[in-house]
C-alpha atoms as a PDB file:
ATOM      1  CA  MET A   1      -0.068   0.037  -0.051  1.00  0.00           C
ATOM      2  CA  THR A   2       1.232   3.435  -0.907  1.00  0.00           C
ATOM      3  CA  ASP A   3       2.180   6.010   1.819  1.00  0.00           C
ATOM      4  CA  VAL A   4       0.021   8.915   0.589  1.00  0.00           C
ATOM      5  CA  ALA A   5       1.300  11.419   2.891  1.00  0.00           C
ATOM      6  CA  ALA A   6       4.934  10.689   1.977  1.00  0.00           C
ATOM      7  CA  THR A   7       4.066  10.763  -1.711  1.00  0.00           C
ATOM      8  CA  LEU A   8       2.519  13.972  -1.388  1.00  0.00           C
ATOM      9  CA  ALA A   9       5.380  15.430   0.664  1.00  0.00           C
ATOM     10  CA  GLU A  10       7.599  14.193  -2.270  1.00  0.00           C
ATOM     11  CA  ILE A  11       5.466  15.919  -4.683  1.00  0.00           C
ATOM     12  CA  ALA A  12       5.343  19.174  -2.982  1.00  0.00           C
ATOM     13  CA  SER A  13       9.181  19.474  -3.057  1.00  0.00           C
ATOM     14  CA  LEU A  14       9.135  19.565  -6.923  1.00  0.00           C
ATOM     15  CA  SER A  15       8.937  22.469  -8.986  1.00  0.00           C
ATOM     16  CA  ILE A  16       5.450  23.863 -10.170  1.00  0.00           C
ATOM     17  CA  ASP A  17       6.178  22.680 -13.781  1.00  0.00           C
ATOM     18  CA  GLU A  18       7.033  19.125 -12.589  1.00  0.00           C
ATOM     19  CA  ARG A  19       3.826  18.941 -10.472  1.00  0.00           C
ATOM     20  CA  LEU A  20       1.653  20.122 -13.384  1.00  0.00           C
ATOM     21  CA  ARG A  21       3.420  17.345 -15.364  1.00  0.00           C
ATOM     22  CA  ILE A  22       2.487  14.881 -12.673  1.00  0.00           C
ATOM     23  CA  VAL A  23      -1.170  16.074 -12.621  1.00  0.00           C
ATOM     24  CA  GLY A  24      -1.457  15.731 -16.390  1.00  0.00           C
ATOM     25  CA  ALA A  25       0.136  12.308 -16.263  1.00  0.00           C
ATOM     26  CA  ILE A  26      -2.451  11.218 -13.329  1.00  0.00           C
ATOM     27  CA  TRP A  27      -5.277  12.626 -15.336  1.00  0.00           C
ATOM     28  CA  ASP A  28      -4.225  10.797 -18.612  1.00  0.00           C
ATOM     29  CA  SER A  29      -4.005   7.487 -16.718  1.00  0.00           C
ATOM     30  CA  ILE A  30      -7.418   8.088 -15.088  1.00  0.00           C
ATOM     31  CA  ALA A  31      -9.027   8.754 -18.615  1.00  0.00           C
ATOM     32  CA  ALA A  32      -7.399   5.813 -19.980  1.00  0.00           C
ATOM     33  CA  ASP A  33      -8.758   3.554 -17.117  1.00  0.00           C
ATOM     34  CA  LEU A  34     -12.133   5.160 -17.698  1.00  0.00           C
ATOM     35  CA  GLU A  35     -12.129   4.335 -21.271  1.00  0.00           C
ATOM     36  CA  LEU A  36     -11.638   0.688 -20.276  1.00  0.00           C
ATOM     37  CA  ALA A  37     -14.198   0.784 -17.327  1.00  0.00           C
ATOM     38  CA  ASP A  38     -17.677  -0.501 -17.544  1.00  0.00           C
ATOM     39  CA  SER A  39     -20.029   2.249 -19.070  1.00  0.00           C
ATOM     40  CA  GLU A  40     -22.072   2.486 -15.974  1.00  0.00           C
ATOM     41  CA  LEU A  41     -19.284   4.248 -14.275  1.00  0.00           C
ATOM     42  CA  LEU A  42     -19.406   6.924 -16.955  1.00  0.00           C
ATOM     43  CA  GLU A  43     -23.217   7.750 -16.702  1.00  0.00           C
ATOM     44  CA  LEU A  44     -24.013  11.309 -16.273  1.00  0.00           C
ATOM     45  CA  THR A  45     -26.607  12.935 -13.975  1.00  0.00           C
ATOM     46  CA  PRO A  46     -29.315  14.902 -15.676  1.00  0.00           C
ATOM     47  CA  ALA A  47     -27.676  17.970 -14.580  1.00  0.00           C
ATOM     48  CA  GLN A  48     -24.339  16.938 -15.897  1.00  0.00           C
ATOM     49  CA  LEU A  49     -25.907  15.890 -19.161  1.00  0.00           C
ATOM     50  CA  GLU A  50     -27.470  19.287 -19.601  1.00  0.00           C
ATOM     51  CA  GLU A  51     -24.077  21.129 -18.951  1.00  0.00           C
ATOM     52  CA  VAL A  52     -22.297  18.955 -21.637  1.00  0.00           C
ATOM     53  CA  LYS A  53     -24.979  19.790 -24.074  1.00  0.00           C
ATOM     54  CA  ARG A  54     -24.810  23.463 -23.167  1.00  0.00           C
ATOM     55  CA  ARG A  55     -21.039  23.528 -23.692  1.00  0.00           C
ATOM     56  CA  LEU A  56     -21.099  21.542 -26.870  1.00  0.00           C
ATOM     57  CA  ALA A  57     -23.941  23.985 -28.510  1.00  0.00           C
ATOM     58  CA  ALA A  58     -21.651  26.979 -27.206  1.00  0.00           C
ATOM     59  CA  HIS A  59     -18.756  25.614 -28.877  1.00  0.00           C
ATOM     60  CA  ALA A  60     -20.698  24.878 -32.241  1.00  0.00           C
ATOM     61  CA  ALA A  61     -21.970  28.375 -32.220  1.00  0.00           C
ATOM     62  CA  ASN A  62     -18.529  29.895 -31.696  1.00  0.00           C
ATOM     63  CA  PRO A  63     -15.855  27.287 -32.344  1.00  0.00           C
ATOM     64  CA  ASN A  64     -13.058  29.885 -32.389  1.00  0.00           C
ATOM     65  CA  ALA A  65     -13.745  30.950 -28.766  1.00  0.00           C
ATOM     66  CA  VAL A  66     -11.015  28.775 -27.204  1.00  0.00           C
ATOM     67  CA  VAL A  67      -8.062  29.534 -25.113  1.00  0.00           C
ATOM     68  CA  PRO A  68      -4.749  27.557 -25.928  1.00  0.00           C
ATOM     69  CA  TRP A  69      -3.180  25.290 -23.142  1.00  0.00           C
ATOM     70  CA  GLU A  70      -0.157  27.676 -23.035  1.00  0.00           C
ATOM     71  CA  VAL A  71      -2.278  30.692 -22.027  1.00  0.00           C
ATOM     72  CA  VAL A  72      -4.303  28.793 -19.543  1.00  0.00           C
ATOM     73  CA  LYS A  73      -1.171  27.375 -17.971  1.00  0.00           C
ATOM     74  CA  ALA A  74       0.557  30.810 -18.028  1.00  0.00           C
ATOM     75  CA  GLU A  75      -2.354  32.399 -16.233  1.00  0.00           C
ATOM     76  CA  ALA A  76      -2.616  29.878 -13.631  1.00  0.00           C
ATOM     77  CA  LEU A  77       1.102  29.985 -12.949  1.00  0.00           C
ATOM     78  CA  ALA A  78       0.726  33.864 -12.723  1.00  0.00           C
ATOM     79  CA  ARG A  79      -2.019  33.560 -10.097  1.00  0.00           C
ATOM     80  CA  ILE A  80      -0.152  31.140  -8.309  1.00  0.00           C
ATOM     81  CA  ARG A  81       2.817  33.253  -8.013  1.00  0.00           C
ATOM     82  CA  ALA A  82       0.793  36.442  -7.251  1.00  0.00           C
END
């Protein structure tokens, strides 16, 4: 069994960029596991389904209204450092 506290302490000692890479890797591994998981685990609540539909409609109406990952990352890092 993993010692979560020790792992988190080790992660906290890394740079922000390294921690963001770890978060991305964890997220990717979760997404990969969910793709393999039983579809019942992926069922959305009615509210979640409506939100997905709203976001898809908003994107379809204005597909160029996106923010590149580099900009999102830079803004998040700037907020953390402020």
